[in-house]
């Protein structure tokens, strides 16, 4: 007999009965609020075409590197999961996943997926080898109906806005199609310039040539290159963008003179590029992007601290974003000082900082955000987008930065249906954290109720200008 799949109403709430009761009351006030998803990597084509999703594997396995990185760690080849392998049988790929679902016990991935299976698809038995075909057939059949088209799911989960993330080289045709369709759902883009600001990004020179064609600017001349960014940012803003996003290896910034920057730009156009020059160029470009944000009002997100493509064999065979990015030690105080000295006191600028290095929470990030008007702290991210990660974030950040120098929650995912699941986890964890403060008489319950709404909805909407 298959094991039952159940979602306990009090999941993730503190176990103390008094605190749990407060948590329930706070959660009841935010459980059904609209979802603000201000940063992520979902595919805008889904909402542009509103085509049905093909099958369970296509929707739930292929976009989710949390799933296949765990399976890969246990010896499952990515080809067998259908990653860059159109010949793979999606049912068999799903079976490989189902047979190994026990690997996800205790992980946030397990929580998100159980929510999707139970709430979205109404399945009441646990995924396993025994139930693999039932799951695959049930989910795939549901996906063939109008109720499970992308726009219908967007509306079902009360999503107010989703921001996707695109390169400056993207023509944003899917965003244009969404806008022209007359559908009222709000799907916007964000400006992610990594391919044209990182000299170590594959195809950097070719990317600059494409950018030159798109902007009619000389992108191999420093001023022409900066003008090209301004033009592309303006185009992105015209298509709904309110933010930029920068996935640099470090948080290093620089504030070079124009002459120094021009010389550096010429050096990074040489091949092979010197690593120190590549890092200095990325550092200067963070400051240049902040300067442009002062002018055009786009919110700036900095996502540093990942050693990208750590597994060269996997990168060569499957490309980026296949589960092989690893957190690294990241500094902020010295690294951000050049940028902050120039722009950190500007209250009209918003820079949202993220980290994968939790050791910096209380020592660096909270004090910085607790001082500079331009700085806000992004939520626990990526490897720390988990119950314990969220609790550590609140515990270490709040005393110095407070709640209102943070920006609520963003899901940062490619996996569409995990969005409502992740927001539910974040709301439950925040309500539990606030309930503990109420129980300790450090805050009135009405204040906690106000804060729960802010953390679930208002802070993200305000910080991202949505």
Protein backbone atom coordinates (compact mmCIF):
# COMPACT_ATOMS: atom_id res chain seq x y z
CA UNK A 1 0.00 0.00 0.00
CA UNK A 2 1.57 3.37 -1.01
CA UNK A 3 2.37 5.79 1.79
CA UNK A 4 -0.01 8.73 2.18
CA UNK A 5 1.04 12.23 1.18
CA UNK A 6 -0.17 14.73 3.75
CA UNK A 7 0.60 18.39 4.39
CA UNK A 8 0.16 19.22 8.07
CA UNK A 9 -1.64 22.52 8.67
CA UNK A 10 0.99 23.54 11.25
CA UNK A 11 4.06 22.56 9.25
CA UNK A 12 7.13 24.71 9.92
CA UNK A 13 5.52 26.49 12.89
CA UNK A 14 7.36 26.39 16.26
CA UNK A 15 6.43 23.42 18.44
CA UNK A 16 5.66 25.40 21.61
CA UNK A 17 1.83 25.39 21.76
CA UNK A 18 1.52 29.08 22.68
CA UNK A 19 3.93 30.23 19.97
CA UNK A 20 2.31 27.92 17.45
CA UNK A 21 -1.10 29.44 18.16
CA UNK A 22 0.28 32.94 17.49
CA UNK A 23 1.97 31.65 14.32
CA UNK A 24 -1.36 30.32 13.05
CA UNK A 25 -3.10 33.63 13.59
CA UNK A 26 -0.34 35.57 11.84
CA UNK A 27 -0.23 33.11 8.95
CA UNK A 28 -3.98 33.24 8.47
CA UNK A 29 -3.56 36.95 7.75
CA UNK A 30 -1.08 36.44 4.90
CA UNK A 31 -1.67 32.93 3.54
CA UNK A 32 -3.82 34.10 0.63
CA UNK A 33 -2.16 37.41 -0.17
CA UNK A 34 -1.06 38.00 -3.79
CA UNK A 35 2.39 36.75 -4.74
CA UNK A 36 5.06 39.26 -5.72
CA UNK A 37 7.81 37.35 -7.57
CA UNK A 38 10.30 40.16 -8.28
CA UNK A 39 13.26 38.07 -9.40
CA UNK A 40 13.44 34.69 -11.11
CA UNK A 41 14.27 32.71 -14.20
CA UNK A 42 10.98 31.32 -15.47
CA UNK A 43 10.50 31.20 -19.23
CA UNK A 44 8.42 34.12 -20.58
CA UNK A 45 7.52 31.98 -23.59
CA UNK A 46 5.11 30.08 -21.32
CA UNK A 47 2.86 33.12 -20.91
CA UNK A 48 3.46 34.47 -24.40
CA UNK A 49 2.10 31.35 -26.10
CA UNK A 50 -0.04 29.92 -23.25
CA UNK A 51 0.59 26.48 -24.72
CA UNK A 52 -0.05 23.41 -22.60
CA UNK A 53 2.95 21.95 -20.77
CA UNK A 54 3.95 18.69 -22.41
CA UNK A 55 4.31 16.27 -19.52
CA UNK A 56 5.34 15.92 -15.89
CA UNK A 57 9.04 15.62 -16.72
CA UNK A 58 9.08 18.71 -18.92
CA UNK A 59 7.45 20.90 -16.28
CA UNK A 60 8.78 19.57 -12.98
CA UNK A 61 12.13 17.96 -13.74
CA UNK A 62 13.84 19.79 -16.59
CA UNK A 63 13.75 23.39 -15.24
CA UNK A 64 14.72 22.47 -11.67
CA UNK A 65 18.44 22.15 -10.99
CA UNK A 66 17.68 21.47 -7.31
CA UNK A 67 16.19 18.17 -8.45
CA UNK A 68 18.74 16.96 -10.94
CA UNK A 69 21.82 18.09 -8.98
CA UNK A 70 20.76 15.72 -6.17
CA UNK A 71 20.12 12.90 -8.64
CA UNK A 72 23.44 13.55 -10.38
CA UNK A 73 25.22 13.41 -7.01
CA UNK A 74 23.83 9.89 -6.63
CA UNK A 75 25.13 8.75 -9.99
CA UNK A 76 22.15 9.41 -12.30
CA UNK A 77 23.41 10.73 -15.67
CA UNK A 78 21.79 13.98 -16.76
CA UNK A 79 21.19 12.49 -20.21
CA UNK A 80 18.95 9.89 -18.62
CA UNK A 81 16.85 12.69 -17.12
CA UNK A 82 16.38 14.24 -20.56
CA UNK A 83 18.77 17.14 -20.00
CA UNK A 84 20.03 18.18 -23.45
CA UNK A 85 18.85 14.76 -24.65
CA UNK A 86 15.62 14.89 -26.69
CA UNK A 87 15.79 11.12 -27.24
CA UNK A 88 15.24 10.33 -23.56
CA UNK A 89 11.84 8.80 -22.73
CA UNK A 90 10.19 11.32 -20.35
CA UNK A 91 8.33 8.54 -18.53
CA UNK A 92 11.58 6.71 -17.85
CA UNK A 93 13.24 9.95 -16.74
CA UNK A 94 10.39 10.44 -14.30
CA UNK A 95 10.79 6.87 -13.06
CA UNK A 96 14.46 7.49 -12.24
CA UNK A 97 13.33 10.47 -10.18
CA UNK A 98 10.46 8.63 -8.46
CA UNK A 99 12.63 5.66 -7.50
CA UNK A 100 14.99 8.05 -5.74
CA UNK A 101 12.51 10.43 -4.16
CA UNK A 102 13.72 9.30 -0.73
CA UNK A 103 16.99 11.14 -1.45
CA UNK A 104 15.13 14.42 -0.91
CA UNK A 105 14.00 13.68 2.65
CA UNK A 106 14.56 16.70 4.87
CA UNK A 107 15.36 19.04 1.96
CA UNK A 108 13.44 22.14 0.90
CA UNK A 109 13.01 20.52 -2.52
CA UNK A 110 10.94 17.78 -0.88
CA UNK A 111 8.70 20.40 0.79
CA UNK A 112 8.16 22.34 -2.43
CA UNK A 113 7.43 19.24 -4.49
CA UNK A 114 5.05 17.71 -1.93
CA UNK A 115 3.14 21.00 -1.94
CA UNK A 116 2.90 20.94 -5.73
CA UNK A 117 1.84 17.29 -5.82
CA UNK A 118 -0.77 17.73 -3.12
CA UNK A 119 -2.14 21.25 -3.66
CA UNK A 120 -1.74 21.69 -7.41
CA UNK A 121 -2.46 18.16 -8.58
CA UNK A 122 -4.50 16.72 -5.70
CA UNK A 123 -2.36 13.61 -5.29
CA UNK A 124 -2.69 11.94 -1.88
CA UNK A 125 0.02 9.26 -2.05
CA UNK A 126 3.79 9.70 -1.72
CA UNK A 127 5.94 9.62 -4.86
CA UNK A 128 7.89 6.36 -5.11
CA UNK A 129 8.83 3.65 -7.60
CA UNK A 130 5.43 2.09 -6.95
CA UNK A 131 3.49 5.26 -7.69
CA UNK A 132 5.70 6.61 -10.50
CA UNK A 133 3.35 5.78 -13.37
CA UNK A 134 0.30 7.04 -11.47
CA UNK A 135 2.04 10.37 -10.87
CA UNK A 136 3.27 10.70 -14.43
CA UNK A 137 -0.10 9.87 -15.98
CA UNK A 138 -2.12 11.99 -13.53
CA UNK A 139 0.09 15.08 -13.87
CA UNK A 140 0.51 14.78 -17.63
CA UNK A 141 -3.23 14.39 -18.13
CA UNK A 142 -3.92 17.45 -15.98
CA UNK A 143 -1.38 19.49 -17.94
CA UNK A 144 -3.34 18.83 -21.11
CA UNK A 145 -6.37 20.74 -19.78
CA UNK A 146 -7.10 24.45 -19.95
CA UNK A 147 -7.01 24.75 -16.15
CA UNK A 148 -3.28 23.95 -16.20
CA UNK A 149 -2.18 26.28 -18.96
CA UNK A 150 0.47 28.82 -17.88
CA UNK A 151 -1.87 31.80 -17.66
CA UNK A 152 -4.53 29.85 -15.78
CA UNK A 153 -1.98 28.70 -13.19
CA UNK A 154 -0.64 32.26 -12.89
CA UNK A 155 -4.16 33.44 -12.04
CA UNK A 156 -4.99 30.44 -9.85
CA UNK A 157 -2.12 31.22 -7.51
CA UNK A 158 -2.92 34.92 -7.32
CA UNK A 159 0.41 35.96 -8.79
CA UNK A 160 0.43 39.73 -9.13
CA UNK A 161 3.73 40.01 -10.98
CA UNK A 162 6.60 37.79 -12.10
CA UNK A 163 9.95 39.19 -13.21
CA UNK A 164 12.00 36.99 -15.51
CA UNK A 165 15.67 37.65 -16.28
CA UNK A 166 17.12 38.25 -19.73
CA UNK A 167 20.46 39.11 -21.32
CA UNK A 168 20.92 42.51 -23.02
CA UNK A 169 21.16 40.48 -26.25
CA UNK A 170 17.59 39.21 -25.90
CA UNK A 171 15.03 40.84 -28.20
CA UNK A 172 12.30 40.33 -25.55
CA UNK A 173 9.92 39.02 -28.20
CA UNK A 174 8.02 36.93 -25.64
CA UNK A 175 7.47 39.95 -23.40
CA UNK A 176 6.22 41.89 -26.38
CA UNK A 177 3.85 39.05 -27.27
CA UNK A 178 2.49 39.02 -23.72
CA UNK A 179 1.92 42.76 -23.84
CA UNK A 180 0.27 42.62 -27.28
CA UNK A 181 -2.00 39.70 -26.33
CA UNK A 182 -4.24 41.78 -24.08
CA UNK A 183 -3.84 39.33 -21.18
CA UNK A 184 -3.82 41.21 -17.88
CA UNK A 185 -1.19 39.07 -16.13
CA UNK A 186 1.97 41.03 -15.40
CA UNK A 187 5.20 39.35 -16.56
CA UNK A 188 8.16 41.71 -16.77
CA UNK A 189 11.85 41.34 -17.53
CA UNK A 190 15.06 42.27 -15.67
CA UNK A 191 18.38 43.37 -17.16
CA UNK A 192 21.12 40.73 -16.62
CA UNK A 193 24.26 42.03 -18.36
CA UNK A 194 26.70 39.25 -17.34
CA UNK A 195 27.41 38.09 -20.95
CA UNK A 196 28.61 41.58 -21.90
CA UNK A 197 30.28 42.74 -18.65
CA UNK A 198 32.26 39.62 -17.78
CA UNK A 199 35.35 39.22 -19.99
CA UNK A 200 35.54 35.56 -18.90
CA UNK A 201 31.99 34.81 -20.05
CA UNK A 202 32.04 32.48 -23.04
CA UNK A 203 31.71 34.38 -26.32
CA UNK A 204 32.37 37.79 -24.73
CA UNK A 205 33.72 39.38 -27.93
CA UNK A 206 30.92 37.94 -30.06
CA UNK A 207 28.40 39.18 -27.49
CA UNK A 208 29.79 42.71 -27.77
CA UNK A 209 29.46 42.52 -31.55
CA UNK A 210 25.80 41.55 -31.24
CA UNK A 211 25.20 44.35 -28.74
CA UNK A 212 26.78 46.79 -31.21
CA UNK A 213 24.34 45.67 -33.90
CA UNK A 214 21.37 46.03 -31.55
CA UNK A 215 22.30 49.55 -30.43
CA UNK A 216 24.17 51.04 -33.39
CA UNK A 217 27.01 51.85 -30.98
CA UNK A 218 30.69 50.95 -31.16
CA UNK A 219 30.87 48.43 -28.31
CA UNK A 220 34.64 48.12 -28.71
CA UNK A 221 35.04 51.75 -27.65
CA UNK A 222 34.55 52.59 -23.96
CA UNK A 223 32.04 55.41 -24.40
CA UNK A 224 30.21 53.57 -27.15
CA UNK A 225 30.06 50.49 -24.93
CA UNK A 226 28.53 52.48 -22.04
CA UNK A 227 26.06 54.13 -24.41
CA UNK A 228 25.00 50.69 -25.63
CA UNK A 229 24.20 49.66 -22.06
CA UNK A 230 22.14 52.81 -21.57
CA UNK A 231 20.15 52.08 -24.72
CA UNK A 232 19.50 48.45 -23.80
CA UNK A 233 18.51 49.38 -20.26
CA UNK A 234 16.05 51.91 -21.66
CA UNK A 235 14.62 49.24 -23.97
CA UNK A 236 14.24 46.81 -21.06
CA UNK A 237 12.54 49.51 -18.98
CA UNK A 238 10.14 50.17 -21.87
CA UNK A 239 9.22 46.47 -21.69
CA UNK A 240 8.45 46.64 -17.98
CA UNK A 241 11.81 46.09 -16.31
CA UNK A 242 12.24 47.74 -12.92
CA UNK A 243 15.54 46.08 -11.97
CA UNK A 244 18.94 44.88 -13.08
CA UNK A 245 20.71 41.76 -11.86
CA UNK A 246 24.44 41.09 -11.57
CA UNK A 247 25.76 37.58 -10.96
CA UNK A 248 29.42 38.38 -10.37
CA UNK A 249 31.89 35.96 -8.77
CA UNK A 250 32.64 38.52 -6.04
CA UNK A 251 31.22 41.78 -4.70
CA UNK A 252 34.36 43.68 -5.68
CA UNK A 253 33.75 47.21 -6.95
CA UNK A 254 36.06 49.91 -8.29
CA UNK A 255 35.86 53.61 -9.08
CA UNK A 256 38.41 54.28 -11.80
CA UNK A 257 38.92 57.52 -13.66
CA UNK A 258 37.66 57.69 -17.24
CA UNK A 259 41.19 57.37 -18.57
CA UNK A 260 41.92 54.34 -16.38
CA UNK A 261 38.64 52.70 -17.37
CA UNK A 262 39.35 53.21 -21.06
CA UNK A 263 42.78 51.58 -20.72
CA UNK A 264 41.28 48.68 -18.75
CA UNK A 265 38.59 48.17 -21.39
CA UNK A 266 41.23 47.90 -24.10
CA UNK A 267 43.09 45.31 -22.04
CA UNK A 268 40.05 43.08 -21.48
CA UNK A 269 39.38 43.07 -25.21
CA UNK A 270 42.72 41.30 -25.72
CA UNK A 271 42.91 37.53 -25.72
CA UNK A 272 43.54 35.76 -23.47
CA UNK A 273 42.33 38.16 -20.82
CA UNK A 274 44.34 38.43 -17.59
CA UNK A 275 42.28 37.27 -14.60
CA UNK A 276 43.12 40.34 -12.54
CA UNK A 277 41.95 42.59 -15.37
CA UNK A 278 38.73 40.62 -15.73
CA UNK A 279 37.99 41.02 -12.02
CA UNK A 280 38.81 44.73 -12.06
CA UNK A 281 36.59 45.24 -15.10
CA UNK A 282 33.65 43.48 -13.45
CA UNK A 283 34.29 45.63 -10.36
CA UNK A 284 34.24 48.82 -12.40
CA UNK A 285 31.09 47.75 -14.21
CA UNK A 286 29.19 47.36 -10.93
CA UNK A 287 29.95 51.01 -10.23
CA UNK A 288 29.01 51.98 -13.79
CA UNK A 289 25.72 50.09 -13.44
CA UNK A 290 25.02 51.91 -10.15
CA UNK A 291 25.69 55.22 -11.91
CA UNK A 292 23.19 54.27 -14.62
CA UNK A 293 20.64 53.24 -11.98
CA UNK A 294 20.90 56.70 -10.45
CA UNK A 295 19.97 58.08 -13.86
CA UNK A 296 17.25 55.65 -14.98
CA UNK A 297 15.85 54.47 -11.64
CA UNK A 298 16.32 50.73 -12.17
CA UNK A 299 16.81 48.80 -8.92
CA UNK A 300 20.21 47.09 -8.81
CA UNK A 301 20.60 43.52 -7.54
CA UNK A 302 24.03 42.05 -6.80
CA UNK A 303 24.19 38.24 -6.56
CA UNK A 304 27.86 37.42 -5.86
CA UNK A 305 29.63 34.48 -4.34
CA UNK A 306 29.09 31.50 -6.63
CA UNK A 307 31.92 29.56 -8.24
CA UNK A 308 30.13 29.05 -11.54
CA UNK A 309 30.50 25.84 -13.55
CA UNK A 310 32.73 24.16 -10.98
CA UNK A 311 32.47 20.88 -12.89
CA UNK A 312 34.17 21.53 -16.28
CA UNK A 313 33.09 18.22 -17.79
CA UNK A 314 29.44 18.96 -17.01
CA UNK A 315 29.76 22.52 -18.36
CA UNK A 316 31.27 21.34 -21.63
CA UNK A 317 28.53 18.77 -22.18
CA UNK A 318 25.45 20.55 -20.81
CA UNK A 319 26.27 24.26 -20.43
CA UNK A 320 25.43 26.63 -17.61
CA UNK A 321 22.97 26.24 -14.75
CA UNK A 322 23.09 22.49 -14.41
CA UNK A 323 23.64 22.24 -10.65
CA UNK A 324 27.43 22.63 -10.59
CA UNK A 325 27.64 26.15 -9.12
CA UNK A 326 29.16 26.14 -5.61
CA UNK A 327 29.09 28.89 -2.93
CA UNK A 328 32.36 30.61 -2.10
CA UNK A 329 33.65 32.86 0.69
CA UNK A 330 32.56 36.42 -0.12
CA UNK A 331 33.53 39.77 1.36
CA UNK A 332 31.47 42.97 1.25
CA UNK A 333 32.87 45.68 3.53
CA UNK A 334 36.08 46.46 1.65
CA UNK A 335 34.80 45.22 -1.68
CA UNK A 336 31.75 47.49 -1.86
CA UNK A 337 33.42 50.57 -0.39
CA UNK A 338 34.39 52.19 -3.74
CA UNK A 339 30.82 51.93 -5.04
CA UNK A 340 29.25 53.00 -1.74
CA UNK A 341 31.60 55.93 -1.32
CA UNK A 342 30.33 57.21 -4.65
CA UNK A 343 26.63 56.27 -4.50
CA UNK A 344 25.74 54.67 -1.16
CA UNK A 345 24.37 57.85 0.39
CA UNK A 346 21.83 58.34 -2.38
CA UNK A 347 18.42 57.48 -0.92
CA UNK A 348 16.90 57.46 -4.41
CA UNK A 349 19.11 54.52 -5.42
CA UNK A 350 18.24 50.97 -4.35
CA UNK A 351 20.95 48.30 -4.30
CA UNK A 352 19.80 44.87 -3.10
CA UNK A 353 22.60 42.65 -1.80
CA UNK A 354 22.48 38.86 -1.71
CA UNK A 355 24.95 36.38 -0.28
CA UNK A 356 25.74 32.68 -0.23
CA UNK A 357 28.22 33.25 2.62
CA UNK A 358 26.23 33.23 5.85
CA UNK A 359 29.32 34.19 7.87
CA UNK A 360 28.85 37.73 6.54
CA UNK A 361 25.29 38.20 7.86
CA UNK A 362 25.95 39.87 11.22
CA UNK A 363 29.54 40.94 10.57
CA UNK A 364 29.17 42.72 7.20
CA UNK A 365 25.79 42.79 5.49
CA UNK A 366 23.53 43.81 8.37
CA UNK A 367 25.80 46.69 9.46
CA UNK A 368 26.16 47.92 5.88
CA UNK A 369 22.42 47.86 5.19
CA UNK A 370 21.80 49.32 8.63
CA UNK A 371 23.80 52.38 7.62
CA UNK A 372 23.74 53.17 3.88
CA UNK A 373 20.44 54.58 2.55
CA UNK A 374 20.98 52.94 -0.84
CA UNK A 375 21.36 49.40 0.50
CA UNK A 376 18.75 46.72 1.15
CA UNK A 377 19.25 43.04 1.95
CA UNK A 378 17.88 40.36 -0.31
CA UNK A 379 16.41 37.24 1.30
CA UNK A 380 18.16 33.97 2.11
CA UNK A 381 19.05 32.80 -1.37
CA UNK A 382 19.69 29.64 -3.37
CA UNK A 383 21.41 27.15 -1.06
CA UNK A 384 19.86 28.94 1.95
CA UNK A 385 16.33 29.18 0.53
CA UNK A 386 15.22 26.72 3.21
CA UNK A 387 13.52 26.75 6.62
CA UNK A 388 16.74 26.79 8.61
CA UNK A 389 18.39 29.19 6.16
CA UNK A 390 15.50 31.63 6.52
CA UNK A 391 15.59 31.40 10.31
CA UNK A 392 19.34 32.02 10.38
CA UNK A 393 18.86 35.00 8.09
CA UNK A 394 16.23 36.61 10.31
CA UNK A 395 18.15 35.84 13.52
CA UNK A 396 21.44 37.28 12.31
CA UNK A 397 20.18 40.23 10.28
CA UNK A 398 17.30 41.68 12.28
CA UNK A 399 19.08 43.03 15.36
CA UNK A 400 21.35 45.30 13.30
CA UNK A 401 19.51 45.91 10.02
CA UNK A 402 15.92 45.60 11.25
CA UNK A 403 13.12 44.24 9.09
CA UNK A 404 12.68 47.31 6.93
CA UNK A 405 16.17 47.22 5.42
CA UNK A 406 15.23 43.87 3.88
CA UNK A 407 13.06 43.29 0.81
CA UNK A 408 10.74 40.46 1.80
CA UNK A 409 11.02 37.26 -0.21
CA UNK A 410 11.84 36.36 -3.79
CA UNK A 411 11.79 32.83 -5.13
CA UNK A 412 14.60 33.06 -7.75
CA UNK A 413 13.53 29.91 -9.59
CA UNK A 414 13.11 28.37 -13.03
CA UNK A 415 10.52 25.94 -11.68
CA UNK A 416 7.16 27.67 -12.17
CA UNK A 417 5.00 25.65 -9.78
CA UNK A 418 7.52 25.90 -6.98
CA UNK A 419 6.81 29.64 -6.80
CA UNK A 420 3.64 29.43 -4.67
CA UNK A 421 5.20 26.58 -2.69
CA UNK A 422 8.29 28.65 -1.85
CA UNK A 423 6.27 31.71 -0.90
CA UNK A 424 4.17 29.56 1.42
CA UNK A 425 7.32 28.29 3.15
CA UNK A 426 8.67 31.84 3.53
CA UNK A 427 5.41 33.12 4.99
CA UNK A 428 5.23 30.26 7.47
CA UNK A 429 8.83 30.74 8.61
CA UNK A 430 8.43 34.51 9.00
CA UNK A 431 5.18 34.09 10.94
CA UNK A 432 6.90 31.62 13.26
CA UNK A 433 9.81 34.02 13.79
CA UNK A 434 7.47 36.91 14.53
CA UNK A 435 5.34 34.76 16.84
CA UNK A 436 8.41 34.02 18.96
CA UNK A 437 9.03 37.75 19.38
CA UNK A 438 5.41 38.23 20.43
CA UNK A 439 5.63 35.34 22.91
CA UNK A 440 8.77 36.89 24.42
CA UNK A 441 6.92 40.22 24.78
CA UNK A 442 9.34 41.95 22.44
CA UNK A 443 6.56 43.00 20.09
CA UNK A 444 2.79 43.31 20.21
CA UNK A 445 0.79 40.86 18.13
CA UNK A 446 -0.75 43.66 16.06
CA UNK A 447 2.78 44.80 15.15
CA UNK A 448 3.69 41.26 14.15
CA UNK A 449 0.56 41.09 11.99
CA UNK A 450 1.59 44.31 10.22
CA UNK A 451 5.10 42.97 9.75
CA UNK A 452 3.83 39.66 8.35
CA UNK A 453 2.00 41.58 5.62
CA UNK A 454 5.08 43.69 4.92
CA UNK A 455 7.40 40.68 4.72
CA UNK A 456 4.99 38.72 2.53
CA UNK A 457 4.00 41.48 0.13
CA UNK A 458 4.71 45.16 0.77
CA UNK A 459 8.50 45.19 1.10
CA UNK A 460 9.12 43.38 -2.19
CA UNK A 461 6.60 45.55 -4.01
CA UNK A 462 8.16 48.76 -2.68
CA UNK A 463 11.82 47.78 -3.06
CA UNK A 464 11.41 46.59 -6.65
CA UNK A 465 9.14 49.52 -7.59
CA UNK A 466 6.29 47.22 -8.55
